[in-house]
């Protein structure tokens, strides 16, 4: 049985750092991206060097790149993102 991500194409995890005092505002904007079709499938607030880990799903690597740069990276208060593309090892 194929997973939801494999039917869509690609899955990636985006590690998101925010500016001090901007975490709640960034969460609100990230929540607007979530849902429907390609995009942010799941969001967790985390402790450590990152503030959020977002799971995103898209049809292609280019679509993932556009989502990360045009939607997530453009949010006021996002200072840095690190994208980890999920791969199949066999």
N, C-alpha and C. Protein backbone atom coordinates (compact mmCIF):
# COMPACT_ATOMS: atom_id res chain seq x y z
N UNK A 1 0.83 -1.17 0.00
CA UNK A 1 0.00 0.00 0.00
C UNK A 1 0.88 1.25 0.00
N UNK A 2 0.65 2.15 -0.93
CA UNK A 2 1.46 3.36 -1.05
C UNK A 2 1.06 4.36 0.01
N UNK A 3 2.05 5.06 0.54
CA UNK A 3 1.75 6.09 1.53
C UNK A 3 1.27 7.35 0.83
N UNK A 4 0.70 8.23 1.61
CA UNK A 4 0.22 9.51 1.08
C UNK A 4 1.36 10.27 0.40
N UNK A 5 2.54 10.29 1.03
CA UNK A 5 3.67 11.02 0.47
C UNK A 5 4.12 10.44 -0.87
N UNK A 6 4.16 9.11 -0.98
CA UNK A 6 4.63 8.52 -2.23
C UNK A 6 3.66 8.77 -3.38
N UNK A 7 2.37 8.89 -3.07
CA UNK A 7 1.40 9.23 -4.11
C UNK A 7 1.60 10.66 -4.58
N UNK A 8 2.02 11.54 -3.71
CA UNK A 8 2.23 12.95 -4.05
C UNK A 8 3.56 13.17 -4.73
N UNK A 9 4.53 12.33 -4.50
CA UNK A 9 5.83 12.49 -5.12
C UNK A 9 6.96 12.53 -4.12
N UNK A 10 7.13 13.64 -3.44
CA UNK A 10 8.29 13.80 -2.55
C UNK A 10 7.86 14.32 -1.19
N UNK A 11 8.70 14.01 -0.21
CA UNK A 11 8.48 14.47 1.16
C UNK A 11 9.79 15.06 1.66
N UNK A 12 9.69 16.12 2.45
CA UNK A 12 10.87 16.73 3.04
C UNK A 12 10.53 17.24 4.44
N UNK A 13 11.56 17.37 5.24
CA UNK A 13 11.44 17.94 6.58
C UNK A 13 12.20 19.26 6.57
N UNK A 14 11.54 20.31 7.02
CA UNK A 14 12.17 21.63 7.03
C UNK A 14 12.37 22.05 8.48
N UNK A 15 13.63 22.26 8.85
CA UNK A 15 13.99 22.70 10.19
C UNK A 15 13.99 24.22 10.15
N UNK A 16 13.22 24.84 11.03
CA UNK A 16 12.98 26.28 10.96
C UNK A 16 13.44 26.97 12.23
N UNK A 17 14.28 28.00 12.05
CA UNK A 17 14.71 28.85 13.16
C UNK A 17 13.97 30.18 13.05
N UNK A 18 13.59 30.73 14.21
CA UNK A 18 12.88 32.01 14.21
C UNK A 18 13.63 33.05 15.03
N UNK A 19 13.34 34.31 14.77
CA UNK A 19 13.93 35.41 15.53
C UNK A 19 13.32 35.43 16.93
N UNK A 20 14.08 35.90 17.91
CA UNK A 20 13.54 36.00 19.26
C UNK A 20 12.25 36.82 19.28
N UNK A 21 11.25 36.31 19.98
CA UNK A 21 9.98 36.99 20.11
C UNK A 21 9.03 36.82 18.94
N UNK A 22 9.44 36.09 17.91
CA UNK A 22 8.62 35.93 16.71
C UNK A 22 8.00 34.55 16.57
N UNK A 23 8.28 33.65 17.50
CA UNK A 23 7.86 32.26 17.35
C UNK A 23 6.34 32.10 17.18
N UNK A 24 5.56 32.79 18.00
CA UNK A 24 4.10 32.65 17.90
C UNK A 24 3.56 33.20 16.58
N UNK A 25 4.11 34.32 16.13
CA UNK A 25 3.67 34.91 14.86
C UNK A 25 4.05 33.99 13.69
N UNK A 26 5.23 33.39 13.76
CA UNK A 26 5.66 32.46 12.70
C UNK A 26 4.75 31.24 12.69
N UNK A 27 4.42 30.71 13.87
CA UNK A 27 3.53 29.55 13.94
C UNK A 27 2.18 29.86 13.29
N UNK A 28 1.66 31.03 13.54
CA UNK A 28 0.38 31.43 12.95
C UNK A 28 0.46 31.44 11.43
N UNK A 29 1.55 31.98 10.88
CA UNK A 29 1.72 32.02 9.43
C UNK A 29 1.94 30.63 8.84
N UNK A 30 2.71 29.80 9.53
CA UNK A 30 2.93 28.42 9.07
C UNK A 30 1.62 27.64 9.05
N UNK A 31 0.77 27.89 10.03
CA UNK A 31 -0.53 27.20 10.09
C UNK A 31 -1.40 27.56 8.89
N UNK A 32 -1.24 28.76 8.35
CA UNK A 32 -2.00 29.17 7.17
C UNK A 32 -1.56 28.40 5.92
N UNK A 33 -0.30 28.00 5.90
CA UNK A 33 0.23 27.24 4.76
C UNK A 33 -0.28 25.81 4.78
N UNK A 34 -0.54 25.28 5.98
CA UNK A 34 -0.92 23.87 6.14
C UNK A 34 -2.25 23.55 5.47
N UNK A 35 -2.37 22.29 5.08
CA UNK A 35 -3.62 21.78 4.53
C UNK A 35 -3.69 21.87 3.02
N UNK A 36 -4.64 21.16 2.47
CA UNK A 36 -4.96 21.20 1.05
C UNK A 36 -3.83 20.96 0.06
N UNK A 37 -3.89 19.87 -0.64
CA UNK A 37 -2.97 19.60 -1.75
C UNK A 37 -1.52 19.55 -1.32
N UNK A 38 -0.66 20.07 -2.19
CA UNK A 38 0.76 20.11 -1.86
C UNK A 38 0.99 21.16 -0.79
N UNK A 39 1.95 20.90 0.03
CA UNK A 39 2.29 21.91 1.02
C UNK A 39 2.67 21.32 2.35
N UNK A 40 2.46 22.10 3.36
CA UNK A 40 2.85 21.72 4.69
C UNK A 40 1.87 20.68 5.23
N UNK A 41 2.36 19.48 5.47
CA UNK A 41 1.50 18.38 5.91
C UNK A 41 1.42 18.27 7.43
N UNK A 42 2.51 18.67 8.11
CA UNK A 42 2.54 18.54 9.57
C UNK A 42 3.56 19.53 10.12
N UNK A 43 3.26 20.08 11.29
CA UNK A 43 4.14 21.05 11.93
C UNK A 43 4.27 20.73 13.40
N UNK A 44 5.51 20.68 13.88
CA UNK A 44 5.78 20.48 15.31
C UNK A 44 6.68 21.59 15.81
N UNK A 45 6.35 22.14 16.97
CA UNK A 45 7.27 23.03 17.68
C UNK A 45 8.22 22.11 18.45
N UNK A 46 9.51 22.44 18.44
CA UNK A 46 10.50 21.57 19.07
C UNK A 46 11.47 22.39 19.92
N UNK A 47 12.19 21.69 20.78
CA UNK A 47 13.24 22.33 21.57
C UNK A 47 14.57 22.07 20.88
N UNK A 48 15.58 22.83 21.27
CA UNK A 48 16.89 22.66 20.68
C UNK A 48 17.23 23.82 19.76
N UNK A 49 18.10 23.59 18.79
CA UNK A 49 18.54 24.70 17.94
C UNK A 49 17.48 25.20 16.96
N UNK A 50 16.43 24.43 16.74
CA UNK A 50 15.35 24.83 15.83
C UNK A 50 14.09 25.07 16.63
N UNK A 51 13.19 25.86 16.07
CA UNK A 51 11.94 26.17 16.74
C UNK A 51 10.78 25.30 16.22
N UNK A 52 10.85 24.94 14.94
CA UNK A 52 9.82 24.12 14.31
C UNK A 52 10.45 23.10 13.38
N UNK A 53 9.76 21.98 13.22
CA UNK A 53 10.06 21.03 12.15
C UNK A 53 8.76 20.85 11.38
N UNK A 54 8.82 21.17 10.09
CA UNK A 54 7.66 21.04 9.22
C UNK A 54 7.87 19.90 8.26
N UNK A 55 6.86 19.06 8.10
CA UNK A 55 6.88 18.02 7.08
C UNK A 55 6.12 18.57 5.88
N UNK A 56 6.77 18.60 4.73
CA UNK A 56 6.11 19.09 3.54
C UNK A 56 6.06 18.00 2.48
N UNK A 57 5.05 18.07 1.64
CA UNK A 57 4.86 17.10 0.56
C UNK A 57 4.60 17.86 -0.72
N UNK A 58 5.25 17.43 -1.79
CA UNK A 58 5.09 18.09 -3.08
C UNK A 58 5.38 17.11 -4.20
N UNK A 59 5.00 17.49 -5.41
CA UNK A 59 5.15 16.61 -6.57
C UNK A 59 6.60 16.49 -7.04
N UNK A 60 7.42 17.50 -6.75
CA UNK A 60 8.80 17.48 -7.26
C UNK A 60 9.73 18.22 -6.32
N UNK A 61 11.02 18.06 -6.56
CA UNK A 61 12.02 18.79 -5.79
C UNK A 61 11.89 20.29 -6.02
N UNK A 62 11.58 20.68 -7.25
CA UNK A 62 11.37 22.11 -7.54
C UNK A 62 10.21 22.67 -6.73
N UNK A 63 9.12 21.90 -6.61
CA UNK A 63 7.97 22.35 -5.84
C UNK A 63 8.32 22.49 -4.36
N UNK A 64 9.13 21.57 -3.86
CA UNK A 64 9.59 21.69 -2.48
C UNK A 64 10.41 22.96 -2.33
N UNK A 65 11.32 23.21 -3.25
CA UNK A 65 12.14 24.41 -3.20
C UNK A 65 11.32 25.68 -3.22
N UNK A 66 10.30 25.72 -4.06
CA UNK A 66 9.43 26.91 -4.13
C UNK A 66 8.68 27.11 -2.82
N UNK A 67 8.18 26.02 -2.24
CA UNK A 67 7.45 26.12 -0.98
C UNK A 67 8.36 26.64 0.13
N UNK A 68 9.57 26.12 0.18
CA UNK A 68 10.50 26.53 1.24
C UNK A 68 10.92 27.99 1.05
N UNK A 69 11.26 28.39 -0.16
CA UNK A 69 11.75 29.76 -0.36
C UNK A 69 10.63 30.79 -0.46
N UNK A 70 9.58 30.48 -1.19
CA UNK A 70 8.52 31.47 -1.43
C UNK A 70 7.50 31.57 -0.30
N UNK A 71 7.27 30.48 0.41
CA UNK A 71 6.24 30.50 1.46
C UNK A 71 6.87 30.52 2.86
N UNK A 72 7.65 29.53 3.18
CA UNK A 72 8.19 29.42 4.54
C UNK A 72 9.28 30.46 4.79
N UNK A 73 10.25 30.54 3.91
CA UNK A 73 11.37 31.47 4.10
C UNK A 73 10.97 32.93 4.03
N UNK A 74 9.85 33.22 3.41
CA UNK A 74 9.39 34.61 3.27
C UNK A 74 8.61 35.11 4.48
N UNK A 75 8.32 34.23 5.44
CA UNK A 75 7.58 34.64 6.63
C UNK A 75 8.45 35.54 7.50
N UNK A 76 7.89 36.69 7.90
CA UNK A 76 8.59 37.60 8.79
C UNK A 76 8.89 36.89 10.11
N UNK A 77 10.15 36.84 10.49
CA UNK A 77 10.55 36.17 11.72
C UNK A 77 11.27 34.86 11.48
N UNK A 78 11.18 34.30 10.28
CA UNK A 78 11.95 33.10 9.95
C UNK A 78 13.36 33.56 9.60
N UNK A 79 14.34 33.11 10.37
CA UNK A 79 15.72 33.54 10.14
C UNK A 79 16.54 32.55 9.33
N UNK A 80 16.14 31.27 9.39
CA UNK A 80 16.91 30.25 8.68
C UNK A 80 16.09 28.99 8.54
N UNK A 81 16.26 28.32 7.40
CA UNK A 81 15.64 27.01 7.20
C UNK A 81 16.71 26.02 6.74
N UNK A 82 16.52 24.78 7.12
CA UNK A 82 17.36 23.69 6.64
C UNK A 82 16.40 22.62 6.12
N UNK A 83 16.54 22.25 4.85
CA UNK A 83 15.62 21.30 4.25
C UNK A 83 16.29 19.93 4.12
N UNK A 84 15.60 18.91 4.60
CA UNK A 84 16.07 17.53 4.54
C UNK A 84 15.07 16.75 3.71
N UNK A 85 15.45 16.39 2.48
CA UNK A 85 14.55 15.65 1.59
C UNK A 85 14.58 14.18 1.98
N UNK A 86 13.41 13.59 2.15
CA UNK A 86 13.30 12.16 2.48
C UNK A 86 13.64 11.34 1.22
N UNK A 87 14.40 10.28 1.41
CA UNK A 87 14.79 9.39 0.32
C UNK A 87 14.45 7.96 0.66
N UNK A 88 14.30 7.14 -0.37
CA UNK A 88 14.05 5.72 -0.17
C UNK A 88 15.38 4.98 -0.28
N UNK A 89 15.67 4.13 0.69
CA UNK A 89 16.93 3.39 0.67
C UNK A 89 16.76 1.96 0.19
N UNK A 90 15.63 1.66 -0.37
CA UNK A 90 15.54 0.36 -0.95
C UNK A 90 14.34 -0.38 -0.61
